[in-house]
Protein backbone atom coordinates (compact mmCIF):
# COMPACT_ATOMS: atom_id res chain seq x y z
CA MET A 1 -13.21 -115.02 38.63
CA SER A 2 -10.52 -115.75 36.05
CA CYS A 3 -10.95 -116.93 32.50
CA SER A 4 -10.15 -120.61 31.95
CA GLY A 5 -9.26 -119.93 28.32
CA ASN A 6 -11.67 -122.68 27.27
CA ILE A 7 -14.61 -121.52 25.15
CA ASP A 8 -16.87 -124.24 26.60
CA THR A 9 -16.21 -123.50 30.27
CA CYS A 10 -15.37 -119.79 30.42
CA ASN A 11 -18.17 -117.83 32.10
CA GLU A 12 -16.25 -114.58 32.10
CA SER A 13 -16.00 -114.00 28.37
CA GLY A 14 -19.12 -115.59 26.90
CA GLY A 15 -18.01 -117.23 23.68
CA GLU A 16 -20.79 -116.10 21.39
CA CYS A 17 -20.36 -115.35 17.70
CA LEU A 18 -20.01 -111.62 17.13
CA GLU A 19 -22.47 -111.81 14.22
CA CYS A 20 -25.38 -113.93 15.45
CA GLY A 21 -24.72 -114.37 19.17
CA ARG A 22 -24.60 -118.19 19.04
CA ARG A 23 -21.78 -120.22 20.58
CA ASP A 24 -21.46 -122.42 17.47
CA CYS A 25 -22.39 -120.26 14.51
CA PRO A 26 -22.99 -122.50 11.46
CA ILE A 27 -22.94 -119.59 9.03
CA ASN A 28 -19.70 -117.73 9.58
CA ALA A 29 -18.09 -119.35 12.65
CA GLU A 30 -16.53 -116.07 13.76
CA MET A 31 -15.93 -117.31 17.28
CA HIS A 32 -14.06 -115.29 19.87
CA TYR A 33 -10.46 -116.28 20.30
CA TRP A 34 -8.60 -116.04 23.57
CA HIS A 35 -5.23 -114.49 24.26
CA ASP A 36 -3.45 -116.12 27.18
CA GLY A 37 -6.81 -116.96 28.75
CA CYS A 38 -7.54 -113.29 29.43
CA GLY A 39 -10.84 -113.07 27.58
CA PRO A 40 -12.06 -112.30 24.08
CA CYS A 41 -9.62 -110.40 21.92
CA GLY A 42 -11.40 -110.54 18.57
CA THR A 43 -12.60 -113.17 16.15
CA VAL A 44 -10.90 -115.88 14.16
CA HIS A 45 -11.70 -113.78 11.09
CA ASP A 46 -9.91 -110.79 12.70
CA VAL A 47 -6.85 -112.94 13.38
CA ILE A 48 -6.70 -114.26 9.81
CA ARG A 49 -7.12 -110.73 8.43
CA ALA A 50 -4.26 -109.47 10.62
CA LEU A 51 -1.99 -112.39 9.65
CA VAL A 52 -2.70 -111.85 5.94
CA GLU A 53 -1.83 -108.18 6.29
CA ALA A 54 1.35 -108.89 8.29
CA ALA A 55 2.56 -111.61 5.90
CA HIS A 56 2.04 -109.42 2.85
CA LYS A 57 3.65 -106.39 4.47
CA ASN A 58 6.72 -108.47 5.37
CA ALA A 59 6.94 -109.97 1.86
CA VAL A 60 6.87 -106.49 0.33
CA ALA A 61 9.54 -105.29 2.77
CA LYS A 62 11.73 -108.30 1.93
CA GLY A 63 11.58 -107.60 -1.82
CA PHE A 64 9.22 -110.34 -2.97
CA TYR A 65 7.26 -107.81 -5.04
CA PRO A 66 8.48 -105.69 -7.96
CA GLY A 67 9.33 -102.05 -7.43
CA ASP A 68 7.68 -99.10 -9.14
CA GLY A 69 8.81 -100.15 -12.63
CA GLY A 70 5.35 -101.36 -13.62
CA GLU A 71 6.32 -105.04 -13.51
CA LYS A 72 3.45 -107.45 -13.05
CA VAL A 73 3.40 -109.89 -10.18
CA ASN A 74 3.76 -113.44 -11.48
CA ILE A 75 0.82 -115.24 -9.82
CA PRO A 76 1.76 -118.70 -11.19
CA GLU A 77 5.21 -118.21 -9.66
CA LYS A 78 3.64 -117.34 -6.29
CA LEU A 79 1.51 -120.51 -6.50
CA ALA A 80 4.59 -122.57 -7.38
CA LEU A 81 6.39 -121.23 -4.32
CA ILE A 82 3.44 -122.32 -2.15
CA HIS A 83 3.69 -125.77 -3.73
CA ALA A 84 7.46 -125.78 -3.12
CA GLU A 85 6.88 -125.35 0.63
CA ILE A 86 4.51 -128.34 0.63
CA SER A 87 7.12 -130.37 -1.27
CA GLU A 88 9.74 -129.40 1.31
CA GLY A 89 7.34 -130.67 3.98
CA LEU A 90 7.07 -133.98 2.13
CA GLU A 91 10.85 -134.29 2.14
CA GLU A 92 10.92 -133.68 5.91
CA VAL A 93 8.46 -136.55 6.37
CA ARG A 94 10.36 -138.82 3.97
CA SER A 95 13.54 -138.14 5.97
CA GLY A 96 11.84 -139.22 9.20
CA LYS A 97 12.65 -135.94 10.88
CA PRO A 98 10.52 -134.49 13.71
CA HIS A 99 7.80 -131.92 13.01
CA PHE A 100 10.02 -129.25 14.53
CA TYR A 101 13.75 -129.02 15.13
CA GLU A 102 16.51 -126.46 14.93
CA GLY A 103 18.74 -126.67 11.88
CA GLU A 104 22.00 -124.91 11.16
CA LYS A 105 22.43 -121.57 12.93
CA GLY A 106 19.15 -122.14 14.83
CA LYS A 107 16.97 -122.07 11.69
CA PRO A 108 13.53 -123.59 12.42
CA GLU A 109 13.03 -126.79 10.38
CA GLY A 110 10.55 -129.66 10.06
CA LEU A 111 7.13 -130.46 8.63
CA GLY A 112 5.40 -127.94 10.90
CA ILE A 113 7.71 -125.17 9.72
CA GLU A 114 7.21 -126.04 6.04
CA LEU A 115 3.43 -126.02 6.52
CA ALA A 116 3.77 -122.66 8.25
CA ASP A 117 5.83 -121.40 5.30
CA ALA A 118 3.09 -122.50 2.89
CA VAL A 119 0.41 -120.76 4.95
CA ILE A 120 2.52 -117.60 5.18
CA ARG A 121 2.92 -117.57 1.38
CA ILE A 122 -0.85 -118.11 1.01
CA PHE A 123 -1.51 -115.25 3.44
CA ASP A 124 0.89 -113.05 1.47
CA LEU A 125 -0.72 -113.82 -1.89
CA CYS A 126 -4.19 -113.19 -0.48
CA GLY A 127 -2.96 -109.87 0.90
CA HIS A 128 -1.60 -108.88 -2.51
CA LEU A 129 -4.78 -109.91 -4.34
CA GLY A 130 -7.16 -108.47 -1.75
CA ILE A 131 -8.72 -111.86 -1.04
CA ASP A 132 -10.62 -112.07 2.25
CA LEU A 133 -9.11 -115.43 3.18
CA GLY A 134 -11.01 -115.69 6.46
CA GLN A 135 -14.31 -115.42 4.64
CA MET A 136 -13.17 -117.83 1.93
CA ILE A 137 -12.22 -120.42 4.58
CA LEU A 138 -15.53 -120.02 6.39
CA THR A 139 -17.47 -120.23 3.12
CA LYS A 140 -15.63 -123.37 2.02
CA MET A 141 -15.91 -125.07 5.43
CA THR A 142 -19.64 -124.40 5.47
CA TYR A 143 -19.99 -125.89 1.98
CA ASN A 144 -17.82 -128.90 2.87
CA LYS A 145 -20.28 -129.83 5.62
CA THR A 146 -22.80 -130.58 2.86
CA ARG A 147 -20.50 -132.91 0.92
CA PRO A 148 -20.44 -136.71 1.09
CA ALA A 149 -17.70 -138.69 2.85
CA LYS A 150 -14.32 -138.10 1.17
CA HIS A 151 -16.24 -135.79 -1.17
CA GLY A 152 -17.38 -138.87 -3.11
CA LYS A 153 -13.82 -139.99 -3.94
CA LEU A 154 -11.69 -142.97 -2.86
CA PHE A 155 -9.27 -140.83 -0.82
C-alpha cells in the first residue's frame, strides 16, 4: 500500500498529533507533515523550527549580523526590513504583475516571492532572538479561534 499524501485518506501513516494522538489537535496542532507522499517526516513545528534555524544561519553567513566587535543588533531595523518586503509585495500587486515570474537574470519576482522574503526575515529574526515561532503561531491561532468575527473590527 502506498501513501496518498493526504492526511485524511492515508492509512499508511496515521496522521495523529505527536503530542495527544488526535488527528485534529486543538491545543498545539502539531500534525504530521508529508514529504513527497512517503509518510510522516516530522511535525509542522519541526519544519518551522528547521526553517527558522536555516534562515538565521544563512543571514549570519551573508553578513546581516555584526561581527565580534560587540555591536548590538538593531531590532527596529530588522522589523523595518520585514515591513519593506511587505511593501515590495504591495508594489507587485499595484503593478498588476503575476504572483511569480522571473525578472532580470532569472531573479524570482512577484507577490509570492516578496511574501516569502518577509517570512524568511521573520524566521531569521526569531532565530536570532531565540523565539519559538512554531509555538507562537500555534498559541496565537488557538487564541484567535476564541475571537469574534473580524476580531470585533470593521475589517
